[in-house]
Amino acid sequence: MFKLSIFAAFLALSASAAVAAPGSASDPIELKMQVGTDIITVHGVLRQNLDCCTYTFKAAAGQKLYYTVTGAVTRLVITSPNGDSDGPNFENPKTLPATGAYTLSVSPDTMADGAFGPFTMTLRIPPKR
């Protein structure tokens, strides 16, 4: 019985490790803008039963996030450094309320046609004035 329990625990750990792919909620992709620019473009693919695509970025309180998404029909959820979430979907531009690391999750809008497939997302966060 003890050997069976260890084997079951190993399978559970192996399964959870296999799910933690880059871009998943547990392993988000860190976005860093090139020096001298305030814009970044990312490409992803939304598939059924796949945990994709979660990104993180750093910003200061009061900065504005502008975004565009083309391709697959998406739902966006943003989580601020204090853990508060906004979404699915949120105003554009979005005034960022706190300084620190934000999480942006992109998922398929399964209520719409065209929810799966490639997407392109462009984020722009100008410096505070």
N, C-alpha and C. Protein backbone atom coordinates (compact mmCIF):
# COMPACT_ATOMS: atom_id res chain seq x y z
N MET A 1 0.82 -1.19 0.00
CA MET A 1 0.00 0.00 0.00
C MET A 1 0.87 1.25 0.00
N PHE A 2 1.95 1.24 0.80
CA PHE A 2 2.85 2.39 0.88
C PHE A 2 3.47 2.68 -0.49
N LYS A 3 3.90 1.61 -1.21
CA LYS A 3 4.49 1.79 -2.53
C LYS A 3 3.48 2.39 -3.50
N LEU A 4 2.23 1.99 -3.42
CA LEU A 4 1.18 2.52 -4.28
C LEU A 4 0.96 4.00 -4.00
N SER A 5 0.98 4.41 -2.73
CA SER A 5 0.81 5.81 -2.37
C SER A 5 1.95 6.66 -2.91
N ILE A 6 3.19 6.16 -2.79
CA ILE A 6 4.34 6.90 -3.32
C ILE A 6 4.22 7.02 -4.83
N PHE A 7 3.82 5.94 -5.50
CA PHE A 7 3.66 5.97 -6.95
C PHE A 7 2.58 6.97 -7.35
N ALA A 8 1.47 7.00 -6.63
CA ALA A 8 0.39 7.95 -6.92
C ALA A 8 0.86 9.39 -6.71
N ALA A 9 1.63 9.62 -5.66
CA ALA A 9 2.17 10.96 -5.40
C ALA A 9 3.14 11.36 -6.52
N PHE A 10 3.96 10.41 -6.96
CA PHE A 10 4.89 10.70 -8.06
C PHE A 10 4.14 11.06 -9.32
N LEU A 11 3.08 10.32 -9.64
CA LEU A 11 2.29 10.62 -10.83
C LEU A 11 1.65 12.00 -10.72
N ALA A 12 1.14 12.35 -9.56
CA ALA A 12 0.53 13.66 -9.36
C ALA A 12 1.56 14.77 -9.56
N LEU A 13 2.75 14.60 -9.00
CA LEU A 13 3.80 15.60 -9.17
C LEU A 13 4.25 15.67 -10.62
N SER A 14 4.37 14.55 -11.27
CA SER A 14 4.80 14.53 -12.67
C SER A 14 3.77 15.23 -13.54
N ALA A 15 2.50 14.99 -13.29
CA ALA A 15 1.45 15.61 -14.08
C ALA A 15 1.44 17.12 -13.88
N SER A 16 1.61 17.58 -12.64
CA SER A 16 1.59 19.03 -12.41
C SER A 16 2.83 19.68 -13.00
N ALA A 17 3.97 19.00 -12.99
CA ALA A 17 5.18 19.56 -13.58
C ALA A 17 5.04 19.65 -15.09
N ALA A 18 4.36 18.70 -15.70
CA ALA A 18 4.19 18.71 -17.14
C ALA A 18 3.29 19.86 -17.59
N VAL A 19 2.37 20.29 -16.74
CA VAL A 19 1.43 21.35 -17.10
C VAL A 19 2.09 22.72 -17.01
N ALA A 20 3.14 22.88 -16.23
CA ALA A 20 3.76 24.18 -16.00
C ALA A 20 4.67 24.57 -17.16
N ALA A 21 4.07 24.82 -18.31
CA ALA A 21 4.81 25.21 -19.50
C ALA A 21 5.00 26.73 -19.50
N PRO A 22 6.04 27.21 -20.17
CA PRO A 22 6.21 28.67 -20.27
C PRO A 22 4.95 29.31 -20.85
N GLY A 23 4.51 30.36 -20.19
CA GLY A 23 3.29 31.04 -20.61
C GLY A 23 2.06 30.60 -19.84
N SER A 24 2.21 29.53 -19.04
CA SER A 24 1.09 29.09 -18.21
C SER A 24 0.97 30.02 -17.01
N ALA A 25 -0.13 29.93 -16.30
CA ALA A 25 -0.34 30.79 -15.13
C ALA A 25 0.75 30.59 -14.08
N SER A 26 1.27 29.38 -13.97
CA SER A 26 2.31 29.12 -12.98
C SER A 26 3.72 29.45 -13.48
N ASP A 27 3.86 29.74 -14.76
CA ASP A 27 5.15 30.09 -15.34
C ASP A 27 4.96 31.17 -16.41
N PRO A 28 4.53 32.37 -15.99
CA PRO A 28 4.23 33.42 -16.98
C PRO A 28 5.49 33.90 -17.71
N ILE A 29 5.27 34.43 -18.89
CA ILE A 29 6.35 34.98 -19.71
C ILE A 29 6.56 36.43 -19.31
N GLU A 30 7.80 36.78 -18.95
CA GLU A 30 8.12 38.15 -18.55
C GLU A 30 8.35 39.00 -19.79
N LEU A 31 7.63 40.13 -19.86
CA LEU A 31 7.78 41.06 -20.97
C LEU A 31 8.67 42.21 -20.54
N LYS A 32 9.67 42.50 -21.36
CA LYS A 32 10.57 43.62 -21.12
C LYS A 32 10.68 44.41 -22.41
N MET A 33 10.39 45.69 -22.32
CA MET A 33 10.48 46.54 -23.50
C MET A 33 11.93 46.91 -23.77
N GLN A 34 12.27 47.05 -25.04
CA GLN A 34 13.60 47.47 -25.43
C GLN A 34 13.88 48.86 -24.87
N VAL A 35 15.12 49.13 -24.52
CA VAL A 35 15.51 50.44 -24.03
C VAL A 35 15.15 51.49 -25.08
N GLY A 36 14.50 52.57 -24.63
CA GLY A 36 14.14 53.66 -25.54
C GLY A 36 12.80 53.51 -26.20
N THR A 37 12.05 52.46 -25.86
CA THR A 37 10.72 52.28 -26.44
C THR A 37 9.71 52.01 -25.34
N ASP A 38 8.44 52.25 -25.64
CA ASP A 38 7.37 52.00 -24.67
C ASP A 38 6.34 51.02 -25.22
N ILE A 39 6.77 50.20 -26.20
CA ILE A 39 5.83 49.30 -26.87
C ILE A 39 6.47 47.92 -27.04
N ILE A 40 5.61 46.90 -26.97
CA ILE A 40 6.08 45.53 -27.22
C ILE A 40 4.95 44.76 -27.88
N THR A 41 5.31 43.87 -28.81
CA THR A 41 4.34 43.03 -29.50
C THR A 41 4.69 41.57 -29.23
N VAL A 42 3.66 40.79 -28.89
CA VAL A 42 3.86 39.36 -28.65
C VAL A 42 2.88 38.57 -29.52
N HIS A 43 3.28 37.35 -29.83
CA HIS A 43 2.47 36.46 -30.65
C HIS A 43 2.22 35.19 -29.84
N GLY A 44 1.02 34.67 -29.94
CA GLY A 44 0.69 33.43 -29.24
C GLY A 44 -0.35 32.65 -30.02
N VAL A 45 -0.65 31.47 -29.52
CA VAL A 45 -1.67 30.61 -30.13
C VAL A 45 -2.55 30.08 -29.01
N LEU A 46 -3.85 30.30 -29.14
CA LEU A 46 -4.81 29.79 -28.17
C LEU A 46 -5.37 28.47 -28.68
N ARG A 47 -5.24 27.43 -27.84
CA ARG A 47 -5.70 26.09 -28.20
C ARG A 47 -6.64 25.58 -27.12
N GLN A 48 -7.51 24.66 -27.51
CA GLN A 48 -8.39 24.03 -26.54
C GLN A 48 -7.56 23.25 -25.53
N ASN A 49 -7.98 23.32 -24.25
CA ASN A 49 -7.38 22.53 -23.17
C ASN A 49 -5.89 22.80 -22.97
N LEU A 50 -5.42 24.01 -23.28
CA LEU A 50 -4.03 24.36 -23.06
C LEU A 50 -3.97 25.66 -22.27
N ASP A 51 -3.22 25.66 -21.18
CA ASP A 51 -3.07 26.83 -20.33
C ASP A 51 -2.06 27.78 -20.97
N CYS A 52 -2.55 28.75 -21.67
CA CYS A 52 -1.72 29.74 -22.36
C CYS A 52 -2.51 31.02 -22.37
N CYS A 53 -2.18 32.04 -22.38
CA CYS A 53 -0.90 32.68 -22.42
C CYS A 53 -0.91 33.74 -21.33
N THR A 54 0.00 33.64 -20.40
CA THR A 54 0.08 34.57 -19.27
C THR A 54 1.42 35.29 -19.34
N TYR A 55 1.35 36.60 -19.18
CA TYR A 55 2.54 37.46 -19.28
C TYR A 55 2.65 38.30 -18.02
N THR A 56 3.86 38.73 -17.69
CA THR A 56 4.07 39.69 -16.61
C THR A 56 4.85 40.87 -17.16
N PHE A 57 4.62 42.03 -16.55
CA PHE A 57 5.38 43.22 -16.90
C PHE A 57 5.39 44.13 -15.68
N LYS A 58 6.37 45.02 -15.62
CA LYS A 58 6.47 45.96 -14.52
C LYS A 58 6.05 47.35 -14.98
N ALA A 59 5.38 48.07 -14.08
CA ALA A 59 4.94 49.42 -14.39
C ALA A 59 4.80 50.20 -13.09
N ALA A 60 4.69 51.51 -13.22
CA ALA A 60 4.54 52.39 -12.06
C ALA A 60 3.09 52.85 -11.93
N ALA A 61 2.69 53.13 -10.72
CA ALA A 61 1.34 53.65 -10.47
C ALA A 61 1.12 54.90 -11.31
N GLY A 62 -0.04 54.97 -11.94
CA GLY A 62 -0.39 56.13 -12.75
C GLY A 62 -0.06 56.00 -14.22
N GLN A 63 0.79 55.02 -14.58
CA GLN A 63 1.05 54.82 -16.00
C GLN A 63 -0.20 54.26 -16.66
N LYS A 64 -0.32 54.45 -17.96
CA LYS A 64 -1.46 53.95 -18.72
C LYS A 64 -1.01 52.79 -19.62
N LEU A 65 -1.83 51.75 -19.65
CA LEU A 65 -1.60 50.60 -20.52
C LEU A 65 -2.56 50.71 -21.70
N TYR A 66 -2.01 50.80 -22.90
CA TYR A 66 -2.79 50.76 -24.13
C TYR A 66 -2.54 49.39 -24.76
N TYR A 67 -3.58 48.79 -25.34
CA TYR A 67 -3.38 47.46 -25.92
C TYR A 67 -4.25 47.26 -27.15
N THR A 68 -3.76 46.41 -28.04
CA THR A 68 -4.54 45.91 -29.17
C THR A 68 -4.31 44.42 -29.27
N VAL A 69 -5.34 43.70 -29.66
CA VAL A 69 -5.22 42.26 -29.90
C VAL A 69 -5.91 41.97 -31.22
N THR A 70 -5.21 41.26 -32.10
CA THR A 70 -5.80 40.82 -33.36
C THR A 70 -5.67 39.31 -33.47
N GLY A 71 -6.48 38.72 -34.32
CA GLY A 71 -6.45 37.27 -34.51
C GLY A 71 -7.57 36.62 -33.73
N ALA A 72 -7.24 35.58 -32.99
CA ALA A 72 -8.24 34.84 -32.21
C ALA A 72 -9.00 35.79 -31.28
N VAL A 73 -10.27 35.47 -31.04
CA VAL A 73 -11.10 36.29 -30.14
C VAL A 73 -10.70 35.95 -28.70
N THR A 74 -10.26 36.97 -27.96
CA THR A 74 -9.66 36.74 -26.65
C THR A 74 -10.44 37.38 -25.51
N ARG A 75 -10.10 36.91 -24.32
CA ARG A 75 -10.53 37.53 -23.06
C ARG A 75 -9.24 37.90 -22.32
N LEU A 76 -9.17 39.13 -21.85
CA LEU A 76 -7.99 39.60 -21.13
C LEU A 76 -8.34 39.85 -19.67
N VAL A 77 -7.48 39.40 -18.79
CA VAL A 77 -7.61 39.68 -17.36
C VAL A 77 -6.27 40.21 -16.89
N ILE A 78 -6.30 41.37 -16.21
CA ILE A 78 -5.08 41.96 -15.67
C ILE A 78 -5.15 41.89 -14.15
N THR A 79 -4.03 41.49 -13.55
CA THR A 79 -3.94 41.41 -12.09
C THR A 79 -2.83 42.35 -11.65
N SER A 80 -3.18 43.25 -10.72
CA SER A 80 -2.22 44.25 -10.25
C SER A 80 -1.31 43.67 -9.18
N PRO A 81 -0.25 44.40 -8.82
CA PRO A 81 0.70 43.89 -7.82
C PRO A 81 0.05 43.53 -6.47
N ASN A 82 -1.07 44.16 -6.13
CA ASN A 82 -1.72 43.85 -4.85
C ASN A 82 -2.69 42.68 -4.95
N GLY A 83 -2.83 42.09 -6.15
CA GLY A 83 -3.68 40.91 -6.32
C GLY A 83 -5.06 41.20 -6.85
N ASP A 84 -5.44 42.48 -6.99
CA ASP A 84 -6.76 42.81 -7.55
C ASP A 84 -6.76 42.52 -9.05
N SER A 85 -7.87 41.95 -9.54
CA SER A 85 -7.99 41.62 -10.96
C SER A 85 -9.07 42.47 -11.61
N ASP A 86 -8.91 42.70 -12.90
CA ASP A 86 -9.89 43.41 -13.71
C ASP A 86 -10.06 42.61 -14.99
N GLY A 87 -11.30 42.29 -15.31
CA GLY A 87 -11.59 41.55 -16.53
C GLY A 87 -12.65 40.51 -16.28
N PRO A 88 -13.09 39.78 -17.25
CA PRO A 88 -12.45 39.73 -18.56
C PRO A 88 -12.70 41.04 -19.33
N ASN A 89 -11.67 41.43 -19.98
CA ASN A 89 -11.59 42.67 -20.74
C ASN A 89 -11.71 43.86 -19.80
N PHE A 90 -11.10 44.93 -20.18
CA PHE A 90 -11.05 46.12 -19.32
C PHE A 90 -10.83 47.33 -20.21
N GLU A 91 -10.99 48.51 -19.60
CA GLU A 91 -10.92 49.74 -20.39
C GLU A 91 -9.57 49.88 -21.09
N ASN A 92 -9.59 50.64 -22.19
CA ASN A 92 -8.40 50.85 -22.99
C ASN A 92 -8.33 52.33 -23.36
N PRO A 93 -7.42 53.11 -22.77
CA PRO A 93 -6.32 52.67 -21.92
C PRO A 93 -6.75 52.38 -20.49
N LYS A 94 -5.94 51.61 -19.81
CA LYS A 94 -6.16 51.26 -18.40
C LYS A 94 -5.11 52.00 -17.58
N THR A 95 -5.58 52.81 -16.62
CA THR A 95 -4.65 53.46 -15.70
C THR A 95 -4.23 52.45 -14.66
N LEU A 96 -2.94 52.21 -14.56
CA LEU A 96 -2.41 51.20 -13.65
C LEU A 96 -2.34 51.78 -12.23
N PRO A 97 -2.96 51.09 -11.26
CA PRO A 97 -3.14 51.67 -9.93
C PRO A 97 -1.95 51.57 -8.98
N ALA A 98 -0.99 50.71 -9.26
CA ALA A 98 0.08 50.47 -8.29
C ALA A 98 1.40 50.25 -9.01
N THR A 99 2.49 50.43 -8.28
CA THR A 99 3.82 50.16 -8.81
C THR A 99 4.19 48.70 -8.52
N GLY A 100 4.71 48.02 -9.53
CA GLY A 100 5.15 46.64 -9.33
C GLY A 100 4.88 45.79 -10.55
N ALA A 101 4.81 44.48 -10.32
CA ALA A 101 4.63 43.50 -11.40
C ALA A 101 3.15 43.21 -11.62
N TYR A 102 2.73 43.32 -12.86
CA TYR A 102 1.37 43.01 -13.28
C TYR A 102 1.36 41.69 -14.02
N THR A 103 0.24 40.99 -13.96
CA THR A 103 0.05 39.77 -14.73
C THR A 103 -1.09 40.01 -15.71
N LEU A 104 -0.87 39.65 -16.96
CA LEU A 104 -1.88 39.78 -18.00
C LEU A 104 -2.14 38.41 -18.59
N SER A 105 -3.36 37.92 -18.42
CA SER A 105 -3.73 36.59 -18.92
C SER A 105 -4.59 36.74 -20.16
N VAL A 106 -4.22 36.01 -21.20
CA VAL A 106 -4.95 35.99 -22.45
C VAL A 106 -5.55 34.60 -22.59
N SER A 107 -6.85 34.53 -22.77
CA SER A 107 -7.51 33.23 -22.94
C SER A 107 -8.53 33.34 -24.06
N PRO A 108 -8.96 32.20 -24.61
CA PRO A 108 -9.95 32.24 -25.69
C PRO A 108 -11.31 32.66 -25.16
N ASP A 109 -12.01 33.47 -25.93
CA ASP A 109 -13.40 33.82 -25.61
C ASP A 109 -14.27 32.74 -26.23
N THR A 110 -14.55 31.71 -25.46
CA THR A 110 -15.25 30.54 -25.98
C THR A 110 -16.72 30.81 -26.30
N MET A 111 -17.21 31.99 -25.99
CA MET A 111 -18.58 32.37 -26.34
C MET A 111 -18.64 32.93 -27.76
N ALA A 112 -17.50 33.10 -28.41
CA ALA A 112 -17.44 33.70 -29.74
C ALA A 112 -16.85 32.73 -30.75
N ASP A 113 -17.22 32.90 -32.00
CA ASP A 113 -16.57 32.15 -33.08
C ASP A 113 -15.15 32.68 -33.23
N GLY A 114 -14.22 31.83 -33.56
CA GLY A 114 -12.84 32.26 -33.78
C GLY A 114 -12.04 32.43 -32.51
N ALA A 115 -12.41 31.69 -31.47
CA ALA A 115 -11.73 31.83 -30.18
C ALA A 115 -10.38 31.12 -30.13
N PHE A 116 -10.11 30.21 -31.04
CA PHE A 116 -8.86 29.46 -31.02
C PHE A 116 -8.03 29.82 -32.25
N GLY A 117 -6.73 29.81 -32.07
CA GLY A 117 -5.83 30.11 -33.16
C GLY A 117 -4.82 31.16 -32.76
N PRO A 118 -4.05 31.66 -33.73
CA PRO A 118 -3.00 32.62 -33.42
C PRO A 118 -3.57 34.00 -33.08
N PHE A 119 -2.82 34.73 -32.25
CA PHE A 119 -3.17 36.11 -31.94
C PHE A 119 -1.89 36.93 -31.86
N THR A 120 -2.06 38.23 -32.04
CA THR A 120 -0.98 39.19 -31.87
C THR A 120 -1.47 40.25 -30.90
N MET A 121 -0.67 40.51 -29.88
CA MET A 121 -1.04 41.52 -28.88
C MET A 121 0.08 42.54 -28.80
N THR A 122 -0.31 43.81 -28.86
CA THR A 122 0.64 44.90 -28.72
C THR A 122 0.28 45.70 -27.47
N LEU A 123 1.28 45.90 -26.62
CA LEU A 123 1.11 46.67 -25.39
C LEU A 123 1.96 47.93 -25.50
N ARG A 124 1.41 49.03 -25.03
CA ARG A 124 2.16 50.28 -24.97
C ARG A 124 1.95 50.89 -23.60
N ILE A 125 3.05 51.21 -22.92
CA ILE A 125 3.00 51.82 -21.58
C ILE A 125 3.93 53.03 -21.61
N PRO A 126 3.39 54.20 -21.98
CA PRO A 126 4.25 55.39 -22.03
C PRO A 126 4.72 55.79 -20.62
N PRO A 127 5.86 56.49 -20.55
CA PRO A 127 6.33 56.98 -19.25
C PRO A 127 5.31 57.95 -18.66
N LYS A 128 5.29 58.06 -17.34
CA LYS A 128 4.41 59.03 -16.68
C LYS A 128 4.86 60.43 -17.03
N ARG A 129 3.89 61.31 -17.14
CA ARG A 129 4.22 62.73 -17.42
C ARG A 129 3.99 63.56 -16.20
